[in-house]
Protein backbone atom coordinates (compact mmCIF):
# COMPACT_ATOMS: atom_id res chain seq x y z
CA UNK A 1 156.85 -3.45 16.39
CA UNK A 2 156.68 -5.68 19.46
CA UNK A 3 153.52 -7.33 20.79
CA UNK A 4 153.65 -8.99 24.22
CA UNK A 5 151.70 -12.17 25.02
CA UNK A 6 151.54 -12.59 28.82
CA UNK A 7 151.66 -16.04 30.37
CA UNK A 8 148.34 -15.63 32.18
CA UNK A 9 146.57 -14.83 28.91
CA UNK A 10 147.37 -18.21 27.36
CA UNK A 11 144.86 -21.03 27.14
CA UNK A 12 145.04 -23.19 30.27
CA UNK A 13 143.66 -26.60 31.22
CA UNK A 14 144.41 -28.63 34.34
CA UNK A 15 143.36 -32.25 33.79
CA UNK A 16 145.00 -33.51 36.97
CA UNK A 17 147.53 -35.72 35.21
CA UNK A 18 148.28 -32.90 32.75
CA UNK A 19 148.64 -29.18 33.46
CA UNK A 20 148.94 -27.44 30.10
CA UNK A 21 149.25 -23.91 28.74
CA UNK A 22 148.69 -23.02 25.07
CA UNK A 23 150.34 -19.90 23.64
CA UNK A 24 148.26 -20.34 20.47
CA UNK A 25 144.90 -21.96 19.72
CA UNK A 26 145.06 -25.71 20.27
CA UNK A 27 142.54 -28.51 20.90
CA UNK A 28 139.67 -27.05 22.97
CA UNK A 29 141.32 -23.64 23.26
CA UNK A 30 140.21 -21.34 20.46
CA UNK A 31 141.23 -17.70 20.14
CA UNK A 32 140.95 -16.15 16.65
CA UNK A 33 143.51 -13.51 17.66
CA UNK A 34 146.11 -16.14 18.50
CA UNK A 35 146.10 -18.87 15.85
CA UNK A 36 149.90 -18.86 15.55
CA UNK A 37 152.59 -16.46 14.42
CA UNK A 38 153.96 -16.70 10.89
CA UNK A 39 154.98 -20.36 10.44
CA UNK A 40 154.91 -21.04 14.19
CA UNK A 41 151.67 -22.83 14.98
CA UNK A 42 151.96 -24.25 18.51
CA UNK A 43 153.84 -23.66 21.75
CA UNK A 44 152.40 -25.88 24.45
CA UNK A 45 153.89 -25.86 27.93
CA UNK A 46 153.05 -29.20 29.53
CA UNK A 47 153.57 -30.65 33.00
CA UNK A 48 152.76 -34.36 33.11
CA UNK A 49 152.49 -36.23 36.38
CA UNK A 50 154.61 -39.29 37.17
CA UNK A 51 153.69 -42.37 35.15
CA UNK A 52 151.17 -40.48 33.00
CA UNK A 53 151.24 -39.34 29.40
CA UNK A 54 149.76 -39.16 25.93
CA UNK A 55 148.80 -42.49 24.38
CA UNK A 56 149.47 -43.31 20.74
CA UNK A 57 148.02 -40.65 18.44
CA UNK A 58 148.57 -39.50 14.84
CA UNK A 59 150.14 -36.42 13.24
CA UNK A 60 150.82 -35.39 9.66
CA UNK A 61 152.36 -32.45 7.79
CA UNK A 62 153.86 -30.78 10.83
CA UNK A 63 157.39 -30.17 12.14
CA UNK A 64 157.32 -31.02 15.85
CA UNK A 65 160.11 -29.95 18.22
CA UNK A 66 160.22 -31.07 21.85
CA UNK A 67 162.28 -29.17 24.44
CA UNK A 68 162.40 -30.63 27.96
CA UNK A 69 162.86 -28.32 30.94
CA UNK A 70 162.62 -30.81 33.80
CA UNK A 71 162.43 -34.60 34.13
CA UNK A 72 162.37 -37.12 31.29
CA UNK A 73 159.89 -37.68 28.45
CA UNK A 74 159.57 -41.18 26.98
CA UNK A 75 158.98 -41.13 23.22
CA UNK A 76 157.91 -43.99 20.94
CA UNK A 77 156.73 -43.77 17.35
CA UNK A 78 155.63 -45.78 14.33
CA UNK A 79 159.04 -45.25 12.70
CA UNK A 80 160.54 -47.51 15.36
CA UNK A 81 162.14 -44.75 17.43
CA UNK A 82 162.19 -44.95 21.21
CA UNK A 83 164.05 -42.59 23.51
CA UNK A 84 163.91 -40.57 26.71
CA UNK A 85 164.32 -36.82 26.17
CA UNK A 86 165.88 -34.90 29.07
CA UNK A 87 166.94 -31.28 29.68
CA UNK A 88 169.60 -30.26 27.19
CA UNK A 89 168.22 -32.58 24.52
CA UNK A 90 166.18 -31.43 21.53
CA UNK A 91 163.96 -33.76 19.52
CA UNK A 92 162.57 -33.14 16.04
CA UNK A 93 159.89 -35.25 14.43
CA UNK A 94 158.72 -34.52 10.89
CA UNK A 95 155.21 -35.98 10.64
CA UNK A 96 155.02 -35.66 6.85
CA UNK A 97 152.70 -38.21 5.24
CA UNK A 98 151.72 -39.50 8.67
CA UNK A 99 153.17 -40.88 11.88
CA UNK A 100 151.81 -42.10 15.20
CA UNK A 101 153.61 -41.64 18.51
CA UNK A 102 153.19 -41.67 22.26
CA UNK A 103 154.76 -39.54 24.97
CA UNK A 104 154.87 -40.54 28.62
CA UNK A 105 156.59 -39.31 31.74
CA UNK A 106 159.61 -41.59 32.06
CA UNK A 107 159.52 -41.36 35.87
CA UNK A 108 157.17 -43.03 38.31
CA UNK A 109 157.98 -40.41 40.96
CA UNK A 110 158.59 -36.98 39.42
CA UNK A 111 156.74 -34.83 36.90
CA UNK A 112 158.09 -33.94 33.49
CA UNK A 113 157.94 -30.32 32.30
CA UNK A 114 158.43 -29.65 28.61
CA UNK A 115 157.58 -27.48 25.62
CA UNK A 116 156.14 -28.95 22.46
CA UNK A 117 156.47 -26.75 19.40
CA UNK A 118 154.80 -27.13 16.00
CA UNK A 119 156.00 -25.41 12.85
CA UNK A 120 154.29 -25.50 9.47
CA UNK A 121 156.45 -27.38 6.95
CA UNK A 122 157.67 -25.76 3.77
CA UNK A 123 156.35 -28.74 1.81
CA UNK A 124 153.52 -31.15 2.55
CA UNK A 125 153.67 -34.90 2.08
CA UNK A 126 157.36 -35.48 2.88
CA UNK A 127 158.63 -38.77 4.28
CA UNK A 128 158.35 -38.88 8.10
CA UNK A 129 161.66 -38.65 9.96
CA UNK A 130 163.13 -38.23 13.42
CA UNK A 131 166.19 -36.63 14.98
CA UNK A 132 167.46 -35.97 18.50
CA UNK A 133 170.59 -34.21 19.71
CA UNK A 134 172.14 -32.91 22.93
CA UNK A 135 173.38 -29.45 23.89
CA UNK A 136 175.50 -28.97 27.01
CA UNK A 137 174.84 -26.23 29.59
CA UNK A 138 177.97 -24.52 28.24
CA UNK A 139 176.40 -24.43 24.75
CA UNK A 140 173.47 -22.35 26.01
CA UNK A 141 175.17 -20.21 28.66
CA UNK A 142 174.95 -16.49 28.00
CA UNK A 143 174.24 -16.70 24.29
CA UNK A 144 171.65 -17.69 21.72
CA UNK A 145 172.64 -21.14 20.46
CA UNK A 146 171.10 -22.46 17.24
CA UNK A 147 169.25 -25.70 18.06
CA UNK A 148 167.00 -26.19 15.00
CA UNK A 149 167.31 -24.98 11.41
CA UNK A 150 166.28 -25.86 7.87
CA UNK A 151 169.84 -26.87 6.94
CA UNK A 152 170.97 -28.49 10.20
CA UNK A 153 173.94 -26.15 10.46
CA UNK A 154 176.09 -25.86 13.59
CA UNK A 155 174.92 -29.22 14.87
CA UNK A 156 171.27 -28.19 15.10
CA UNK A 157 168.43 -30.56 14.32
CA UNK A 158 166.99 -30.19 10.81
CA UNK A 159 163.46 -28.85 10.42
CA UNK A 160 161.67 -28.79 7.07
CA UNK A 161 160.52 -25.20 7.49
CA UNK A 162 161.84 -21.72 6.79
CA UNK A 163 162.68 -21.12 10.43
CA UNK A 164 165.57 -21.18 12.87
CA UNK A 165 165.23 -21.82 16.58
CA UNK A 166 167.73 -20.58 19.16
CA UNK A 167 167.95 -21.26 22.90
CA UNK A 168 169.95 -19.57 25.64
CA UNK A 169 170.25 -19.33 29.40
CA UNK A 170 171.08 -15.83 30.64
CA UNK A 171 172.31 -14.93 34.11
CA UNK A 172 171.62 -11.45 35.38
CA UNK A 173 173.25 -8.94 33.06
CA UNK A 174 174.23 -11.45 30.37
CA UNK A 175 173.28 -10.32 26.87
CA UNK A 176 172.58 -12.19 23.65
CA UNK A 177 171.70 -10.66 20.29
CA UNK A 178 170.31 -12.06 17.05
CA UNK A 179 170.21 -9.96 13.87
CA UNK A 180 167.02 -10.34 11.85
CA UNK A 181 167.17 -10.19 8.08
CA UNK A 182 164.92 -8.05 5.93
CA UNK A 183 161.28 -9.22 6.06
CA UNK A 184 162.10 -11.68 8.87
CA UNK A 185 160.08 -11.91 12.07
CA UNK A 186 160.72 -13.35 15.50
CA UNK A 187 158.82 -14.94 18.34
CA UNK A 188 160.49 -15.02 21.76
CA UNK A 189 159.31 -17.38 24.49
CA UNK A 190 160.62 -17.16 28.05
CA UNK A 191 160.72 -20.74 29.27
CA UNK A 192 161.99 -20.06 32.79
CA UNK A 193 163.05 -17.16 34.97
CA UNK A 194 163.01 -13.60 33.70
CA UNK A 195 164.57 -11.83 30.74
CA UNK A 196 164.46 -8.43 29.07
CA UNK A 197 163.51 -8.68 25.39
CA UNK A 198 164.18 -5.53 23.34
CA UNK A 199 163.62 -3.47 26.45
CA UNK A 200 160.53 -5.33 27.69
CA UNK A 201 160.73 -7.32 30.94
CA UNK A 202 159.22 -10.77 30.52
CA UNK A 203 158.69 -13.65 32.93
CA UNK A 204 158.30 -17.41 32.53
CA UNK A 205 155.55 -18.24 30.04
CA UNK A 206 155.51 -14.79 28.47
CA UNK A 207 156.02 -14.39 24.73
CA UNK A 208 156.78 -11.55 22.34
CA UNK A 209 156.12 -11.16 18.61
CA UNK A 210 158.66 -8.99 16.78
CA UNK A 211 158.11 -7.59 13.28
CA UNK A 212 160.06 -4.82 11.59
CA UNK A 213 162.81 -5.04 14.21
CA UNK A 214 166.48 -5.18 13.14
CA UNK A 215 167.44 -7.58 15.93
CA UNK A 216 166.38 -9.51 19.00
CA UNK A 217 168.22 -8.46 22.15
CA UNK A 218 168.00 -10.66 25.24
CA UNK A 219 169.24 -9.50 28.63
CA UNK A 220 169.16 -11.76 31.67
CA UNK A 221 167.27 -10.48 34.70
CA UNK A 222 167.05 -13.61 36.86
CA UNK A 223 168.53 -16.69 35.14
CA UNK A 224 166.20 -16.54 32.15
CA UNK A 225 165.94 -19.50 29.77
CA UNK A 226 164.73 -18.22 26.43
CA UNK A 227 163.74 -19.62 23.04
CA UNK A 228 163.98 -17.33 20.01
CA UNK A 229 162.40 -18.15 16.62
CA UNK A 230 163.63 -16.53 13.40
CA UNK A 231 160.68 -16.80 11.01
CA UNK A 232 159.83 -15.89 7.43
């Protein structure tokens, strides 16, 4: 079974400094039909204007993954971490017992466009931690590359959740496939361009929930950048 979530049906707020879309209920956007999917709780697509950002704020008991599409995102947190996340880099922050952080556009001239993803942890109350790694364009070209997993295999960042996250960039006609185990589910998010997901044509911002499917099949239509979640 495949259920499509179109980009225009997401929650949307334009605050001037922040233009944000919420795939699932978040902050002032509430939709009982879209509270998350399995252990995936949040996919926010944010565009933050130059020099603007989110001031210091708290999180706890959540696995937070940041995936930058354009520009640079300045991160600082109460664990002492400070970095700029750029396209090709993936950041994971485990909030655990509690952490505060801020996120600002690292540029004074250009916007930053990124996805922030929240996954429910397998265990509450763990020690907060942080990780960031880089994947080259070659890593993502024409295939689904593992970028986050519960065991950190294949150079992925480690998330404390029963989930795996893959990313890929598919030119027209390029195909990537991911087998799904028994009783596993998948969420697919098209970050940019267009892609065909198990026979359904999706555009940037669209998502698809897959249950009872043996695999996820991605076919590039127009340079599609795609995230694929393998979920319990």
